[in-house]
Amino acid sequence: MSRKESLSNDINNISKAIHLLLVSIFGISAWGFVNYKSLGSGKISLLFIVACLLCAAEYIIIKRYKKLNKELENL
């Protein structure tokens, strides 16, 4: 497999990971919003922390995605 094909595959996999993280963040937020009365403040705080960690992971993945795209353009 050439370097260009390898980068293209990596970019596609990262795109899928970004989509999955966005769906997860939305799902956790929506679930917490709908069930906030029954969850209590402790579990809401935990959901918020999980959502923040997913956002941080998404930021790191997007940085990698941009770097790979730039490298692919330079080939």
N, C-alpha and C. Protein backbone atom coordinates (compact mmCIF):
# COMPACT_ATOMS: atom_id res chain seq x y z
N MET A 1 0.85 -1.17 0.00
CA MET A 1 0.00 0.00 0.00
C MET A 1 0.90 1.24 0.00
N SER A 2 0.58 2.19 -0.85
CA SER A 2 1.39 3.40 -0.94
C SER A 2 1.11 4.32 0.24
N ARG A 3 1.97 5.28 0.40
CA ARG A 3 1.83 6.24 1.49
C ARG A 3 0.52 7.04 1.33
N LYS A 4 0.19 7.37 0.09
CA LYS A 4 -1.02 8.15 -0.18
C LYS A 4 -2.27 7.34 0.19
N GLU A 5 -2.30 6.06 -0.17
CA GLU A 5 -3.44 5.22 0.19
C GLU A 5 -3.55 5.04 1.70
N SER A 6 -2.40 4.89 2.34
CA SER A 6 -2.38 4.73 3.79
C SER A 6 -2.93 5.98 4.49
N LEU A 7 -2.49 7.15 4.03
CA LEU A 7 -3.00 8.40 4.61
C LEU A 7 -4.49 8.55 4.36
N SER A 8 -4.93 8.18 3.18
CA SER A 8 -6.35 8.28 2.85
C SER A 8 -7.18 7.36 3.75
N ASN A 9 -6.70 6.16 4.00
CA ASN A 9 -7.39 5.24 4.92
C ASN A 9 -7.42 5.79 6.34
N ASP A 10 -6.30 6.36 6.78
CA ASP A 10 -6.25 6.95 8.12
C ASP A 10 -7.25 8.09 8.24
N ILE A 11 -7.33 8.93 7.21
CA ILE A 11 -8.26 10.06 7.23
C ILE A 11 -9.70 9.56 7.28
N ASN A 12 -10.02 8.53 6.52
CA ASN A 12 -11.37 7.97 6.56
C ASN A 12 -11.71 7.41 7.93
N ASN A 13 -10.76 6.72 8.56
CA ASN A 13 -10.99 6.17 9.90
C ASN A 13 -11.18 7.28 10.92
N ILE A 14 -10.41 8.36 10.79
CA ILE A 14 -10.55 9.48 11.72
C ILE A 14 -11.89 10.16 11.51
N SER A 15 -12.34 10.27 10.28
CA SER A 15 -13.66 10.86 10.02
C SER A 15 -14.75 10.06 10.72
N LYS A 16 -14.65 8.74 10.67
CA LYS A 16 -15.63 7.89 11.35
C LYS A 16 -15.57 8.08 12.86
N ALA A 17 -14.36 8.23 13.40
CA ALA A 17 -14.20 8.44 14.85
C ALA A 17 -14.81 9.78 15.27
N ILE A 18 -14.61 10.81 14.46
CA ILE A 18 -15.19 12.11 14.77
C ILE A 18 -16.71 12.02 14.79
N HIS A 19 -17.27 11.34 13.81
CA HIS A 19 -18.73 11.17 13.75
C HIS A 19 -19.24 10.42 14.98
N LEU A 20 -18.55 9.36 15.35
CA LEU A 20 -18.95 8.58 16.52
C LEU A 20 -18.89 9.41 17.80
N LEU A 21 -17.85 10.22 17.94
CA LEU A 21 -17.74 11.07 19.13
C LEU A 21 -18.85 12.12 19.16
N LEU A 22 -19.17 12.70 18.01
CA LEU A 22 -20.26 13.69 17.99
C LEU A 22 -21.59 13.06 18.38
N VAL A 23 -21.85 11.88 17.86
CA VAL A 23 -23.09 11.17 18.20
C VAL A 23 -23.10 10.83 19.69
N SER A 24 -21.97 10.41 20.23
CA SER A 24 -21.89 10.08 21.65
C SER A 24 -22.13 11.29 22.53
N ILE A 25 -21.50 12.41 22.17
CA ILE A 25 -21.68 13.63 22.96
C ILE A 25 -23.14 14.07 22.93
N PHE A 26 -23.74 14.05 21.74
CA PHE A 26 -25.14 14.44 21.61
C PHE A 26 -26.03 13.48 22.40
N GLY A 27 -25.76 12.18 22.30
CA GLY A 27 -26.57 11.19 23.00
C GLY A 27 -26.50 11.34 24.50
N ILE A 28 -25.31 11.52 25.03
CA ILE A 28 -25.14 11.69 26.48
C ILE A 28 -25.85 12.95 26.94
N SER A 29 -25.67 14.04 26.18
CA SER A 29 -26.30 15.30 26.55
C SER A 29 -27.83 15.20 26.51
N ALA A 30 -28.35 14.60 25.46
CA ALA A 30 -29.81 14.46 25.33
C ALA A 30 -30.37 13.56 26.43
N TRP A 31 -29.68 12.45 26.70
CA TRP A 31 -30.15 11.54 27.74
C TRP A 31 -30.15 12.24 29.10
N GLY A 32 -29.09 12.99 29.39
CA GLY A 32 -29.02 13.71 30.65
C GLY A 32 -30.09 14.78 30.76
N PHE A 33 -30.36 15.46 29.64
CA PHE A 33 -31.40 16.50 29.64
C PHE A 33 -32.77 15.91 29.91
N VAL A 34 -33.07 14.78 29.28
CA VAL A 34 -34.39 14.16 29.43
C VAL A 34 -34.56 13.58 30.84
N ASN A 35 -33.49 13.04 31.41
CA ASN A 35 -33.59 12.34 32.69
C ASN A 35 -32.99 13.11 33.86
N TYR A 36 -32.85 14.43 33.74
CA TYR A 36 -32.16 15.18 34.78
C TYR A 36 -32.83 15.11 36.14
N LYS A 37 -34.15 15.01 36.18
CA LYS A 37 -34.83 14.97 37.48
C LYS A 37 -34.55 13.68 38.23
N SER A 38 -34.51 12.58 37.53
CA SER A 38 -34.32 11.29 38.19
C SER A 38 -32.84 10.97 38.45
N LEU A 39 -31.94 11.68 37.79
CA LEU A 39 -30.52 11.35 37.94
C LEU A 39 -29.90 11.93 39.20
N GLY A 40 -30.26 13.12 39.56
CA GLY A 40 -29.64 13.77 40.70
C GLY A 40 -28.39 14.50 40.27
N SER A 41 -27.92 15.39 41.13
CA SER A 41 -26.81 16.26 40.75
C SER A 41 -25.48 15.53 40.59
N GLY A 42 -25.27 14.45 41.34
CA GLY A 42 -24.01 13.71 41.22
C GLY A 42 -23.85 13.05 39.87
N LYS A 43 -24.90 12.43 39.39
CA LYS A 43 -24.83 11.75 38.10
C LYS A 43 -24.82 12.76 36.95
N ILE A 44 -25.48 13.88 37.13
CA ILE A 44 -25.44 14.93 36.10
C ILE A 44 -24.01 15.45 35.98
N SER A 45 -23.34 15.63 37.11
CA SER A 45 -21.94 16.09 37.09
C SER A 45 -21.06 15.07 36.39
N LEU A 46 -21.29 13.80 36.63
CA LEU A 46 -20.53 12.75 35.98
C LEU A 46 -20.77 12.76 34.47
N LEU A 47 -22.02 12.92 34.06
CA LEU A 47 -22.33 13.01 32.63
C LEU A 47 -21.64 14.20 31.99
N PHE A 48 -21.59 15.31 32.71
CA PHE A 48 -20.92 16.51 32.20
C PHE A 48 -19.43 16.26 32.02
N ILE A 49 -18.81 15.59 32.99
CA ILE A 49 -17.39 15.27 32.89
C ILE A 49 -17.12 14.34 31.72
N VAL A 50 -17.96 13.34 31.53
CA VAL A 50 -17.80 12.41 30.40
C VAL A 50 -17.93 13.16 29.07
N ALA A 51 -18.92 14.04 28.99
CA ALA A 51 -19.10 14.82 27.76
C ALA A 51 -17.89 15.71 27.50
N CYS A 52 -17.33 16.30 28.55
CA CYS A 52 -16.12 17.13 28.39
C CYS A 52 -14.93 16.30 27.93
N LEU A 53 -14.78 15.11 28.47
CA LEU A 53 -13.68 14.23 28.05
C LEU A 53 -13.85 13.82 26.59
N LEU A 54 -15.07 13.55 26.17
CA LEU A 54 -15.31 13.22 24.77
C LEU A 54 -14.99 14.41 23.87
N CYS A 55 -15.31 15.61 24.32
CA CYS A 55 -14.97 16.81 23.54
C CYS A 55 -13.46 16.97 23.42
N ALA A 56 -12.74 16.71 24.50
CA ALA A 56 -11.28 16.80 24.45
C ALA A 56 -10.70 15.77 23.50
N ALA A 57 -11.24 14.55 23.54
CA ALA A 57 -10.78 13.51 22.62
C ALA A 57 -11.08 13.91 21.18
N GLU A 58 -12.23 14.50 20.96
CA GLU A 58 -12.58 14.93 19.61
C GLU A 58 -11.62 16.02 19.12
N TYR A 59 -11.25 16.94 19.99
CA TYR A 59 -10.31 18.00 19.63
C TYR A 59 -8.97 17.41 19.19
N ILE A 60 -8.49 16.43 19.94
CA ILE A 60 -7.21 15.78 19.60
C ILE A 60 -7.32 15.06 18.27
N ILE A 61 -8.42 14.38 18.05
CA ILE A 61 -8.60 13.64 16.80
C ILE A 61 -8.72 14.60 15.62
N ILE A 62 -9.39 15.72 15.80
CA ILE A 62 -9.52 16.70 14.71
C ILE A 62 -8.16 17.29 14.37
N LYS A 63 -7.33 17.54 15.39
CA LYS A 63 -5.97 18.04 15.11
C LYS A 63 -5.19 17.04 14.26
N ARG A 64 -5.30 15.77 14.59
CA ARG A 64 -4.62 14.71 13.82
C ARG A 64 -5.19 14.64 12.40
N TYR A 65 -6.50 14.79 12.28
CA TYR A 65 -7.16 14.76 10.98
C TYR A 65 -6.62 15.88 10.08
N LYS A 66 -6.51 17.09 10.63
CA LYS A 66 -6.00 18.22 9.86
C LYS A 66 -4.54 18.00 9.45
N LYS A 67 -3.75 17.44 10.36
CA LYS A 67 -2.35 17.18 10.06
C LYS A 67 -2.21 16.16 8.93
N LEU A 68 -3.01 15.10 8.98
CA LEU A 68 -2.96 14.09 7.93
C LEU A 68 -3.45 14.64 6.60
N ASN A 69 -4.48 15.49 6.62
CA ASN A 69 -4.95 16.11 5.38
C ASN A 69 -3.88 16.98 4.76
N LYS A 70 -3.18 17.74 5.58
CA LYS A 70 -2.12 18.60 5.07
C LYS A 70 -0.99 17.75 4.48
N GLU A 71 -0.65 16.66 5.16
CA GLU A 71 0.40 15.77 4.66
C GLU A 71 -0.02 15.13 3.33
N LEU A 72 -1.29 14.76 3.23
CA LEU A 72 -1.79 14.16 1.98
C LEU A 72 -1.75 15.17 0.82
N GLU A 73 -2.07 16.41 1.11
CA GLU A 73 -2.02 17.45 0.08
C GLU A 73 -0.59 17.68 -0.43
N ASN A 74 0.38 17.49 0.46
CA ASN A 74 1.78 17.74 0.09
C ASN A 74 2.40 16.59 -0.70
N LEU A 75 1.71 15.45 -0.79
CA LEU A 75 2.25 14.32 -1.55
C LEU A 75 2.06 14.50 -3.03
